[in-house]
Structures are given as structure tokens and as C-alpha cells.
Amino acid sequence: MSNRVVVVYSHRADVRERIMTAVGRRPAPDVGRIDFLECASVADVLMAIDDQVADVVILDGEAQPTGGIGISRQIHQEATVIPPIMLTVRRAADRWLATWAKADEVLVHPLDPVIAAETLASLLRRTPVRAPSGSV
């Protein structure tokens, strides 16, 4: 079984690192290992989605110049099957924005490693495994 791929988007490298550290390479035994694809720009995120290399995207809602909220909304408007997890700073105030953006899950910064890993594992369980590259 090949590793699942999780896109991690933020314009800040330290935020991407904190997300990857919190989630870990093996969020749960039954979902296997994951590989991270770090994206610092919207173009990189959309390319990963268009090329269907990602199983899940974790989006920093505070990213600049385009936040994860806008990207999440765009992903759903384009009828993609790659589910987004939204990372917010303010639990109550940002939850409605994440709902508007149609994020499948919401994490609050600073990340709790247990909750972050459980949230990702739960979403991966509900997400079909991508066909290997090159298969028809």
C-alpha cells in the first residue's frame, strides 16, 4: 500500500512545520504512513489538487495573501473530491467561516497533537484511496 499524501498549505514555513509535527507521519495505525507535500502558494495547492496527488489538504486560514478559507471554498466549487481541513486561530469566531468554506474538519491553533492526528486519521478513513499514478 502506498503512502497517503497530505498537502500542508501556509505561506509560513514555521506553521507548515508545526502542522506536520503535530500530525506526525503515522496519525493512526490503520491509515498507514503519510507523506507531506508542503505548499507555500495557492498555485502550488491548486496544482497538487488538479494533478490529484493529494488525499487531504490542511489549509492555514490565516495564510497570506490568500487564506485557506478562500481556497477551501474554491476547492468545493470546483467539485473536487479532496477534502480540506481548516486551521483556524479563533475557535468560535472562525468556525462559521470554516463552515462557509465547506471545510470537512476544523483544527484550532495552537494544535493539540492528539486531536490533530485523530482528526486527520478520521478524515483519511472516510476518503477513498487514490489510484496509483499511471493506472487507468
N, C-alpha and C. Protein backbone atom coordinates (compact mmCIF):
# COMPACT_ATOMS: atom_id res chain seq x y z
N MET A 1 0.84 -1.18 0.00
CA MET A 1 0.00 0.00 0.00
C MET A 1 0.88 1.24 0.00
N SER A 2 0.60 2.17 -0.91
CA SER A 2 1.41 3.39 -0.98
C SER A 2 0.95 4.37 0.10
N ASN A 3 1.84 5.27 0.45
CA ASN A 3 1.54 6.26 1.48
C ASN A 3 0.47 7.22 0.99
N ARG A 4 -0.35 7.70 1.91
CA ARG A 4 -1.32 8.75 1.60
C ARG A 4 -0.57 10.07 1.57
N VAL A 5 -1.05 11.02 0.80
CA VAL A 5 -0.39 12.32 0.66
C VAL A 5 -1.28 13.41 1.25
N VAL A 6 -0.69 14.21 2.11
CA VAL A 6 -1.39 15.32 2.74
C VAL A 6 -0.69 16.62 2.34
N VAL A 7 -1.42 17.50 1.67
CA VAL A 7 -0.91 18.82 1.32
C VAL A 7 -1.04 19.70 2.56
N VAL A 8 0.02 20.42 2.89
CA VAL A 8 0.03 21.35 4.01
C VAL A 8 0.32 22.73 3.45
N TYR A 9 -0.69 23.63 3.55
CA TYR A 9 -0.56 24.97 2.97
C TYR A 9 -0.49 26.05 4.03
N SER A 10 0.55 26.85 3.94
CA SER A 10 0.69 28.10 4.67
C SER A 10 1.82 28.86 4.00
N HIS A 11 1.74 30.16 4.01
CA HIS A 11 2.85 30.95 3.46
C HIS A 11 4.04 30.96 4.42
N ARG A 12 3.80 30.51 5.66
CA ARG A 12 4.86 30.49 6.67
C ARG A 12 5.39 29.07 6.87
N ALA A 13 6.69 28.90 6.69
CA ALA A 13 7.32 27.59 6.86
C ALA A 13 7.17 27.08 8.29
N ASP A 14 7.22 27.96 9.28
CA ASP A 14 7.10 27.51 10.67
C ASP A 14 5.70 26.96 10.96
N VAL A 15 4.68 27.51 10.34
CA VAL A 15 3.32 26.98 10.52
C VAL A 15 3.20 25.61 9.87
N ARG A 16 3.74 25.48 8.66
CA ARG A 16 3.72 24.16 7.99
C ARG A 16 4.43 23.13 8.85
N GLU A 17 5.56 23.49 9.41
CA GLU A 17 6.34 22.57 10.26
C GLU A 17 5.55 22.17 11.50
N ARG A 18 4.88 23.13 12.13
CA ARG A 18 4.09 22.81 13.32
C ARG A 18 2.94 21.86 12.99
N ILE A 19 2.31 22.05 11.84
CA ILE A 19 1.22 21.16 11.41
C ILE A 19 1.76 19.75 11.22
N MET A 20 2.85 19.63 10.48
CA MET A 20 3.41 18.31 10.19
C MET A 20 3.90 17.62 11.46
N THR A 21 4.48 18.37 12.37
CA THR A 21 4.95 17.80 13.63
C THR A 21 3.77 17.33 14.48
N ALA A 22 2.71 18.13 14.54
CA ALA A 22 1.55 17.77 15.34
C ALA A 22 0.86 16.52 14.82
N VAL A 23 0.71 16.43 13.51
CA VAL A 23 0.01 15.29 12.90
C VAL A 23 0.89 14.04 12.93
N GLY A 24 2.15 14.20 12.61
CA GLY A 24 3.06 13.06 12.55
C GLY A 24 2.90 12.27 11.27
N ARG A 25 3.89 11.42 10.99
CA ARG A 25 3.89 10.62 9.75
C ARG A 25 2.93 9.44 9.81
N ARG A 26 2.49 9.09 11.00
CA ARG A 26 1.57 7.96 11.15
C ARG A 26 0.50 8.35 12.17
N PRO A 27 -0.55 9.06 11.71
CA PRO A 27 -1.55 9.56 12.65
C PRO A 27 -2.36 8.46 13.34
N ALA A 28 -2.46 7.30 12.71
CA ALA A 28 -3.15 6.14 13.31
C ALA A 28 -2.67 4.89 12.59
N PRO A 29 -2.57 3.77 13.30
CA PRO A 29 -2.05 2.54 12.68
C PRO A 29 -2.85 2.07 11.47
N ASP A 30 -4.17 2.27 11.49
CA ASP A 30 -5.00 1.75 10.40
C ASP A 30 -5.00 2.60 9.14
N VAL A 31 -4.42 3.81 9.17
CA VAL A 31 -4.37 4.63 7.96
C VAL A 31 -2.99 4.62 7.31
N GLY A 32 -2.05 3.96 7.95
CA GLY A 32 -0.70 3.85 7.38
C GLY A 32 0.08 5.16 7.49
N ARG A 33 1.22 5.16 6.80
CA ARG A 33 2.09 6.34 6.82
C ARG A 33 1.59 7.36 5.82
N ILE A 34 1.91 8.62 6.12
CA ILE A 34 1.56 9.68 5.19
C ILE A 34 2.81 10.42 4.76
N ASP A 35 2.74 10.97 3.57
CA ASP A 35 3.78 11.86 3.06
C ASP A 35 3.19 13.26 3.03
N PHE A 36 3.99 14.25 3.35
CA PHE A 36 3.55 15.63 3.32
C PHE A 36 4.04 16.29 2.04
N LEU A 37 3.20 17.11 1.45
CA LEU A 37 3.57 17.96 0.34
C LEU A 37 3.36 19.38 0.81
N GLU A 38 4.46 20.08 1.07
CA GLU A 38 4.37 21.45 1.57
C GLU A 38 4.10 22.41 0.42
N CYS A 39 3.15 23.31 0.64
CA CYS A 39 2.81 24.31 -0.36
C CYS A 39 2.81 25.68 0.30
N ALA A 40 3.54 26.61 -0.31
CA ALA A 40 3.63 27.97 0.22
C ALA A 40 2.80 28.94 -0.61
N SER A 41 2.21 28.48 -1.71
CA SER A 41 1.42 29.36 -2.56
C SER A 41 0.13 28.68 -2.99
N VAL A 42 -0.84 29.49 -3.33
CA VAL A 42 -2.12 28.97 -3.81
C VAL A 42 -1.91 28.16 -5.07
N ALA A 43 -1.05 28.63 -5.96
CA ALA A 43 -0.78 27.92 -7.21
C ALA A 43 -0.29 26.50 -6.94
N ASP A 44 0.58 26.34 -5.95
CA ASP A 44 1.09 25.01 -5.61
C ASP A 44 -0.03 24.10 -5.10
N VAL A 45 -0.91 24.66 -4.26
CA VAL A 45 -2.03 23.87 -3.73
C VAL A 45 -2.94 23.42 -4.87
N LEU A 46 -3.31 24.37 -5.73
CA LEU A 46 -4.23 24.04 -6.82
C LEU A 46 -3.61 23.06 -7.81
N MET A 47 -2.30 23.15 -8.02
CA MET A 47 -1.63 22.20 -8.90
C MET A 47 -1.68 20.79 -8.29
N ALA A 48 -1.44 20.68 -6.99
CA ALA A 48 -1.49 19.37 -6.32
C ALA A 48 -2.89 18.79 -6.41
N ILE A 49 -3.90 19.64 -6.29
CA ILE A 49 -5.28 19.18 -6.39
C ILE A 49 -5.62 18.78 -7.82
N ASP A 50 -5.27 19.63 -8.76
CA ASP A 50 -5.55 19.34 -10.17
C ASP A 50 -4.84 18.07 -10.64
N ASP A 51 -3.62 17.86 -10.16
CA ASP A 51 -2.85 16.66 -10.54
C ASP A 51 -3.28 15.43 -9.74
N GLN A 52 -4.21 15.61 -8.82
CA GLN A 52 -4.75 14.54 -7.99
C GLN A 52 -3.67 13.76 -7.24
N VAL A 53 -2.72 14.50 -6.68
CA VAL A 53 -1.66 13.85 -5.91
C VAL A 53 -1.97 13.84 -4.42
N ALA A 54 -2.99 14.59 -4.00
CA ALA A 54 -3.29 14.71 -2.57
C ALA A 54 -4.53 13.92 -2.19
N ASP A 55 -4.49 13.38 -0.98
CA ASP A 55 -5.66 12.72 -0.40
C ASP A 55 -6.45 13.69 0.47
N VAL A 56 -5.74 14.60 1.14
CA VAL A 56 -6.33 15.59 2.03
C VAL A 56 -5.47 16.84 1.94
N VAL A 57 -6.09 18.01 2.15
CA VAL A 57 -5.32 19.25 2.26
C VAL A 57 -5.59 19.88 3.61
N ILE A 58 -4.54 20.35 4.26
CA ILE A 58 -4.66 21.10 5.50
C ILE A 58 -4.30 22.53 5.16
N LEU A 59 -5.26 23.44 5.39
CA LEU A 59 -5.13 24.82 4.95
C LEU A 59 -5.08 25.77 6.13
N ASP A 60 -4.06 26.62 6.14
CA ASP A 60 -3.92 27.66 7.16
C ASP A 60 -4.90 28.78 6.82
N GLY A 61 -5.89 28.97 7.67
CA GLY A 61 -6.88 30.02 7.44
C GLY A 61 -6.31 31.41 7.48
N GLU A 62 -5.13 31.58 8.09
CA GLU A 62 -4.50 32.89 8.21
C GLU A 62 -3.41 33.13 7.17
N ALA A 63 -3.25 32.22 6.22
CA ALA A 63 -2.18 32.36 5.22
C ALA A 63 -2.38 33.64 4.40
N GLN A 64 -1.27 34.15 3.89
CA GLN A 64 -1.28 35.37 3.08
C GLN A 64 -0.65 35.09 1.72
N PRO A 65 -1.02 35.68 0.65
CA PRO A 65 -2.10 36.66 0.54
C PRO A 65 -3.49 36.02 0.48
N THR A 66 -3.56 34.73 0.22
CA THR A 66 -4.84 34.03 0.15
C THR A 66 -4.93 33.04 1.29
N GLY A 67 -5.93 33.20 2.12
CA GLY A 67 -6.11 32.30 3.25
C GLY A 67 -6.73 30.99 2.85
N GLY A 68 -6.60 30.02 3.72
CA GLY A 68 -7.14 28.70 3.47
C GLY A 68 -8.65 28.68 3.32
N ILE A 69 -9.33 29.67 3.92
CA ILE A 69 -10.79 29.72 3.82
C ILE A 69 -11.21 29.90 2.38
N GLY A 70 -10.58 30.81 1.68
CA GLY A 70 -10.90 31.03 0.26
C GLY A 70 -10.55 29.82 -0.60
N ILE A 71 -9.43 29.20 -0.30
CA ILE A 71 -9.02 28.02 -1.07
C ILE A 71 -10.00 26.87 -0.84
N SER A 72 -10.41 26.67 0.40
CA SER A 72 -11.36 25.60 0.71
C SER A 72 -12.66 25.80 -0.06
N ARG A 73 -13.15 27.03 -0.06
CA ARG A 73 -14.39 27.34 -0.79
C ARG A 73 -14.20 27.06 -2.28
N GLN A 74 -13.07 27.46 -2.84
CA GLN A 74 -12.78 27.23 -4.25
C GLN A 74 -12.71 25.74 -4.58
N ILE A 75 -12.08 24.97 -3.70
CA ILE A 75 -11.97 23.53 -3.91
C ILE A 75 -13.37 22.92 -4.05
N HIS A 76 -14.28 23.30 -3.17
CA HIS A 76 -15.63 22.74 -3.22
C HIS A 76 -16.43 23.24 -4.42
N GLN A 77 -16.19 24.46 -4.84
CA GLN A 77 -16.91 24.99 -6.00
C GLN A 77 -16.47 24.30 -7.28
N GLU A 78 -15.25 23.77 -7.28
CA GLU A 78 -14.74 23.09 -8.47
C GLU A 78 -15.00 21.60 -8.43
N ALA A 79 -15.84 21.16 -7.49
CA ALA A 79 -16.31 19.77 -7.41
C ALA A 79 -15.18 18.76 -7.27
N THR A 80 -14.18 19.09 -6.51
CA THR A 80 -13.10 18.15 -6.26
C THR A 80 -13.51 17.18 -5.16
N VAL A 81 -12.82 16.07 -5.08
CA VAL A 81 -13.12 15.10 -4.04
C VAL A 81 -12.05 15.09 -2.95
N ILE A 82 -11.15 16.06 -2.97
CA ILE A 82 -10.08 16.13 -1.98
C ILE A 82 -10.57 16.98 -0.81
N PRO A 83 -10.75 16.37 0.36
CA PRO A 83 -11.32 17.10 1.49
C PRO A 83 -10.31 18.01 2.18
N PRO A 84 -10.76 19.22 2.54
CA PRO A 84 -9.88 20.14 3.27
C PRO A 84 -10.12 20.11 4.78
N ILE A 85 -9.02 20.31 5.51
CA ILE A 85 -9.06 20.58 6.95
C ILE A 85 -8.62 22.02 7.11
N MET A 86 -9.39 22.80 7.84
CA MET A 86 -9.08 24.21 8.04
C MET A 86 -8.41 24.41 9.38
N LEU A 87 -7.31 25.14 9.39
CA LEU A 87 -6.61 25.50 10.62
C LEU A 87 -6.98 26.95 10.94
N THR A 88 -7.64 27.16 12.09
CA THR A 88 -8.06 28.49 12.49
C THR A 88 -7.37 28.89 13.79
N VAL A 89 -7.45 30.16 14.10
CA VAL A 89 -6.84 30.66 15.32
C VAL A 89 -7.88 30.86 16.41
N ARG A 90 -9.04 31.34 16.02
CA ARG A 90 -10.10 31.64 17.00
C ARG A 90 -11.19 30.59 16.86
N ARG A 91 -11.36 29.81 17.89
CA ARG A 91 -12.30 28.68 17.87
C ARG A 91 -13.70 29.11 17.45
N ALA A 92 -14.33 29.99 18.17
CA ALA A 92 -15.73 30.35 17.91
C ALA A 92 -15.86 31.28 16.71
N ALA A 93 -15.03 32.29 16.65
CA ALA A 93 -15.16 33.30 15.60
C ALA A 93 -14.86 32.74 14.21
N ASP A 94 -13.93 31.80 14.11
CA ASP A 94 -13.56 31.27 12.79
C ASP A 94 -14.35 30.04 12.39
N ARG A 95 -15.04 29.39 13.32
CA ARG A 95 -15.78 28.17 12.99
C ARG A 95 -16.83 28.42 11.92
N TRP A 96 -17.54 29.54 12.00
CA TRP A 96 -18.56 29.82 10.99
C TRP A 96 -17.92 30.06 9.62
N LEU A 97 -16.72 30.68 9.60
CA LEU A 97 -16.01 30.86 8.33
C LEU A 97 -15.60 29.52 7.74
N ALA A 98 -15.13 28.61 8.59
CA ALA A 98 -14.76 27.28 8.11
C ALA A 98 -15.98 26.54 7.58
N THR A 99 -17.12 26.74 8.21
CA THR A 99 -18.36 26.12 7.73
C THR A 99 -18.74 26.72 6.38
N TRP A 100 -18.67 28.04 6.26
CA TRP A 100 -18.96 28.71 4.99
C TRP A 100 -18.02 28.20 3.88
N ALA A 101 -16.77 27.96 4.25
CA ALA A 101 -15.77 27.49 3.29
C ALA A 101 -15.92 26.01 2.98
N LYS A 102 -16.85 25.33 3.67
CA LYS A 102 -17.13 23.91 3.47
C LYS A 102 -15.95 23.01 3.83
N ALA A 103 -15.19 23.43 4.83
CA ALA A 103 -14.09 22.58 5.31
C ALA A 103 -14.69 21.32 5.92
N ASP A 104 -14.07 20.18 5.64
CA ASP A 104 -14.57 18.91 6.17
C ASP A 104 -14.29 18.79 7.67
N GLU A 105 -13.18 19.37 8.11
CA GLU A 105 -12.80 19.35 9.53
C GLU A 105 -12.15 20.68 9.87
N VAL A 106 -12.12 21.00 11.16
CA VAL A 106 -11.51 22.24 11.64
C VAL A 106 -10.56 21.91 12.79
N LEU A 107 -9.37 22.47 12.73
CA LEU A 107 -8.41 22.38 13.83
C LEU A 107 -8.12 23.78 14.31
N VAL A 108 -7.86 23.92 15.61
CA VAL A 108 -7.58 25.23 16.19
C VAL A 108 -6.12 25.31 16.59
N HIS A 109 -5.51 26.44 16.23
CA HIS A 109 -4.11 26.69 16.56
C HIS A 109 -4.05 27.36 17.93
N PRO A 110 -3.17 27.02 18.83
CA PRO A 110 -2.10 26.02 18.66
C PRO A 110 -2.67 24.60 18.64
N LEU A 111 -2.06 23.80 17.80
CA LEU A 111 -2.54 22.44 17.59
C LEU A 111 -2.27 21.53 18.77
N ASP A 112 -3.26 20.74 19.10
CA ASP A 112 -3.10 19.65 20.05
C ASP A 112 -2.72 18.43 19.21
N PRO A 113 -1.54 17.84 19.41
CA PRO A 113 -1.10 16.73 18.56
C PRO A 113 -2.07 15.55 18.54
N VAL A 114 -2.69 15.23 19.66
CA VAL A 114 -3.62 14.10 19.71
C VAL A 114 -4.85 14.40 18.86
N ILE A 115 -5.42 15.58 19.04
CA ILE A 115 -6.61 15.95 18.27
C ILE A 115 -6.27 16.09 16.78
N ALA A 116 -5.12 16.67 16.46
CA ALA A 116 -4.73 16.84 15.06
C ALA A 116 -4.58 15.49 14.37
N ALA A 117 -3.90 14.56 15.01
CA ALA A 117 -3.71 13.22 14.43
C ALA A 117 -5.04 12.49 14.30
N GLU A 118 -5.88 12.55 15.33
CA GLU A 118 -7.18 11.88 15.27
C GLU A 118 -8.06 12.47 14.18
N THR A 119 -8.04 13.79 14.03
CA THR A 119 -8.85 14.46 13.01
C THR A 119 -8.41 14.03 11.62
N LEU A 120 -7.11 14.04 11.37
CA LEU A 120 -6.61 13.63 10.06
C LEU A 120 -6.91 12.15 9.80
N ALA A 121 -6.68 11.31 10.77
CA ALA A 121 -6.94 9.87 10.60
C ALA A 121 -8.41 9.61 10.30
N SER A 122 -9.29 10.30 10.99
CA SER A 122 -10.73 10.14 10.76
C SER A 122 -11.10 10.54 9.33
N LEU A 123 -10.54 11.63 8.86
CA LEU A 123 -10.82 12.09 7.50
C LEU A 123 -10.23 11.14 6.47
N LEU A 124 -9.04 10.63 6.71
CA LEU A 124 -8.44 9.67 5.78
C LEU A 124 -9.25 8.39 5.69
N ARG A 125 -9.83 7.96 6.80
CA ARG A 125 -10.68 6.75 6.78
C ARG A 125 -11.90 6.94 5.89
N ARG A 126 -12.40 8.18 5.81
CA ARG A 126 -13.59 8.47 5.01
C ARG A 126 -13.26 8.82 3.56
N THR A 127 -11.98 8.93 3.25
CA THR A 127 -11.53 9.36 1.93
C THR A 127 -11.04 8.16 1.12
N PRO A 128 -11.58 7.96 -0.08
CA PRO A 128 -11.11 6.83 -0.90
C PRO A 128 -9.62 6.93 -1.19
N VAL A 129 -8.97 5.80 -1.27
CA VAL A 129 -7.55 5.77 -1.61
C VAL A 129 -7.42 6.07 -3.10
N ARG A 130 -6.50 6.99 -3.42
CA ARG A 130 -6.25 7.34 -4.83
C ARG A 130 -5.68 6.14 -5.57
N ALA A 131 -6.01 6.03 -6.84
CA ALA A 131 -5.39 5.03 -7.69
C ALA A 131 -3.93 5.40 -7.89
N PRO A 132 -3.03 4.42 -7.96
CA PRO A 132 -1.62 4.74 -8.19
C PRO A 132 -1.46 5.50 -9.50
N SER A 133 -0.46 6.39 -9.54
CA SER A 133 -0.18 7.14 -10.76
C SER A 133 0.05 6.21 -11.92
N GLY A 134 -0.51 6.58 -13.05
CA GLY A 134 -0.30 5.78 -14.26
C GLY A 134 -1.32 4.68 -14.45
N SER A 135 -2.18 4.43 -13.46
CA SER A 135 -3.17 3.36 -13.64
C SER A 135 -4.39 3.93 -14.35
N VAL A 136 -5.14 3.08 -14.97
CA VAL A 136 -6.30 3.51 -15.73
C VAL A 136 -7.55 3.09 -15.04
